[in-house]
Amino acid sequence: MSSMLSSRGLVKRELLSDVVGGCRYRVNNHLDLEYSPLPVNKIISSAEVMVGKELAYSVLSRNCEGLVTDLRYGKARSPQVRLSLGGSLSLLEVCLGWG
C-alpha cells in the first residue's frame, strides 16, 4: 500500500483541456482567503523551472495540490487530503480527475 501512496513523479506542462478531457472541473483558489497569491509572472517562472523535474510524490504529503499551492502562495499546503473512515482519498480523486 505504501508504494501506491508514495513514489516519484515527472512535472509536465500540458493544456488543462488535455488533462481533464471531457470531465468537468473548476479552479479552486480557496486559500486566497488565507494567503496572498504571488505575482503571476513569479508563479509562471517558478512553474516553468519545475517542468521536466522528477520529484518525490506522496498522495498524503507531497502531492499535486501541495506543488501548486507552493507555486501560487509560496507555501505547500494540501487541505484536501482527508482520509475518511472508509479510506477514500479525495485528493487522489482530484489529481486523477475522478472528483
Protein backbone atom coordinates (compact mmCIF):
# COMPACT_ATOMS: atom_id res chain seq x y z
CA MET A 1 0.00 0.00 0.00
CA SER A 2 2.78 2.49 0.83
CA SER A 3 4.30 2.11 -2.65
CA MET A 4 0.95 3.15 -4.11
CA LEU A 5 0.85 6.24 -1.88
CA SER A 6 4.49 7.26 -2.30
CA SER A 7 6.59 7.40 -5.45
CA ARG A 8 8.18 9.85 -7.84
CA GLY A 9 6.51 11.98 -10.47
CA LEU A 10 7.58 13.94 -13.51
CA VAL A 11 6.43 17.55 -13.71
CA LYS A 12 4.85 18.19 -17.12
CA ARG A 13 3.41 21.18 -18.92
CA GLU A 14 0.10 20.23 -20.52
CA LEU A 15 -3.05 22.01 -21.59
CA LEU A 16 -5.76 21.76 -18.96
CA SER A 17 -8.21 20.63 -21.65
CA ASP A 18 -5.92 17.68 -22.49
CA VAL A 19 -5.61 16.68 -18.83
CA VAL A 20 -9.30 16.80 -17.94
CA GLY A 21 -10.60 15.56 -21.27
CA GLY A 22 -14.36 15.81 -21.22
CA CYS A 23 -14.60 15.85 -17.41
CA ARG A 24 -15.98 18.83 -15.51
CA TYR A 25 -13.55 20.84 -13.40
CA ARG A 26 -13.34 24.08 -11.50
CA VAL A 27 -10.47 26.27 -10.37
CA ASN A 28 -10.30 26.39 -6.59
CA ASN A 29 -8.24 29.23 -5.15
CA HIS A 30 -9.83 28.92 -1.71
CA LEU A 31 -6.52 29.64 0.02
CA ASP A 32 -6.67 33.19 -1.40
CA LEU A 33 -8.68 33.98 1.73
CA GLU A 34 -5.73 32.92 3.90
CA TYR A 35 -2.67 33.82 1.79
CA SER A 36 -1.90 36.45 -0.82
CA PRO A 37 -1.05 34.89 -4.18
CA LEU A 38 2.39 35.66 -5.54
CA PRO A 39 2.62 37.80 -8.69
CA VAL A 40 1.54 35.87 -11.80
CA ASN A 41 4.93 36.28 -13.50
CA LYS A 42 6.63 34.75 -10.43
CA ILE A 43 4.19 31.81 -10.40
CA ILE A 44 4.74 31.17 -14.12
CA SER A 45 8.53 31.44 -13.98
CA SER A 46 8.69 29.13 -10.94
CA ALA A 47 6.41 26.63 -12.67
CA GLU A 48 8.50 26.69 -15.85
CA VAL A 49 11.62 25.84 -13.81
CA MET A 50 9.82 22.76 -12.44
CA VAL A 51 8.93 21.33 -15.88
CA GLY A 52 10.92 18.18 -16.61
CA LYS A 53 11.97 17.63 -13.00
CA GLU A 54 11.29 14.37 -11.24
CA LEU A 55 10.02 14.96 -7.72
CA ALA A 56 9.21 12.79 -4.74
CA TYR A 57 5.44 12.22 -4.66
CA SER A 58 3.13 11.05 -1.93
CA VAL A 59 -0.66 11.28 -2.04
CA LEU A 60 -0.66 12.14 1.65
CA SER A 61 2.16 14.69 1.91
CA ARG A 62 3.96 15.69 -1.31
CA ASN A 63 1.14 15.77 -3.83
CA CYS A 64 -0.03 17.82 -6.80
CA GLU A 65 -2.07 20.22 -4.66
CA GLY A 66 0.96 20.90 -2.46
CA LEU A 67 3.04 21.68 -5.54
CA VAL A 68 0.56 24.17 -6.97
CA THR A 69 -0.12 25.89 -3.64
CA ASP A 70 3.64 26.26 -3.18
CA LEU A 71 3.85 27.86 -6.62
CA ARG A 72 0.84 30.14 -6.01
CA TYR A 73 1.44 31.16 -2.37
CA GLY A 74 4.98 30.09 -1.52
CA LYS A 75 3.53 27.57 0.95
CA ALA A 76 2.99 23.89 0.19
CA ARG A 77 -0.47 23.15 1.60
CA SER A 78 -2.88 20.36 0.80
CA PRO A 79 -6.08 20.84 2.78
CA GLN A 80 -7.96 18.41 0.51
CA VAL A 81 -6.09 15.44 1.94
CA ARG A 82 -8.61 13.83 4.25
CA LEU A 83 -8.89 10.15 4.94
CA SER A 84 -12.40 9.05 5.70
CA LEU A 85 -13.12 6.00 7.80
CA GLY A 86 -13.72 4.16 4.54
CA GLY A 87 -10.21 5.02 3.36
CA SER A 88 -11.24 7.20 0.42
CA LEU A 89 -8.78 9.85 -0.72
CA SER A 90 -10.48 12.96 -2.04
CA LEU A 91 -7.16 14.40 -3.27
CA LEU A 92 -6.40 11.26 -5.26
CA GLU A 93 -9.74 11.66 -6.97
CA VAL A 94 -8.94 15.28 -7.76
CA CYS A 95 -5.44 14.57 -9.08
CA LEU A 96 -6.72 11.74 -11.26
CA GLY A 97 -9.74 13.72 -12.40
CA TRP A 98 -12.27 11.45 -10.72
CA GLY A 99 -13.75 14.13 -8.48
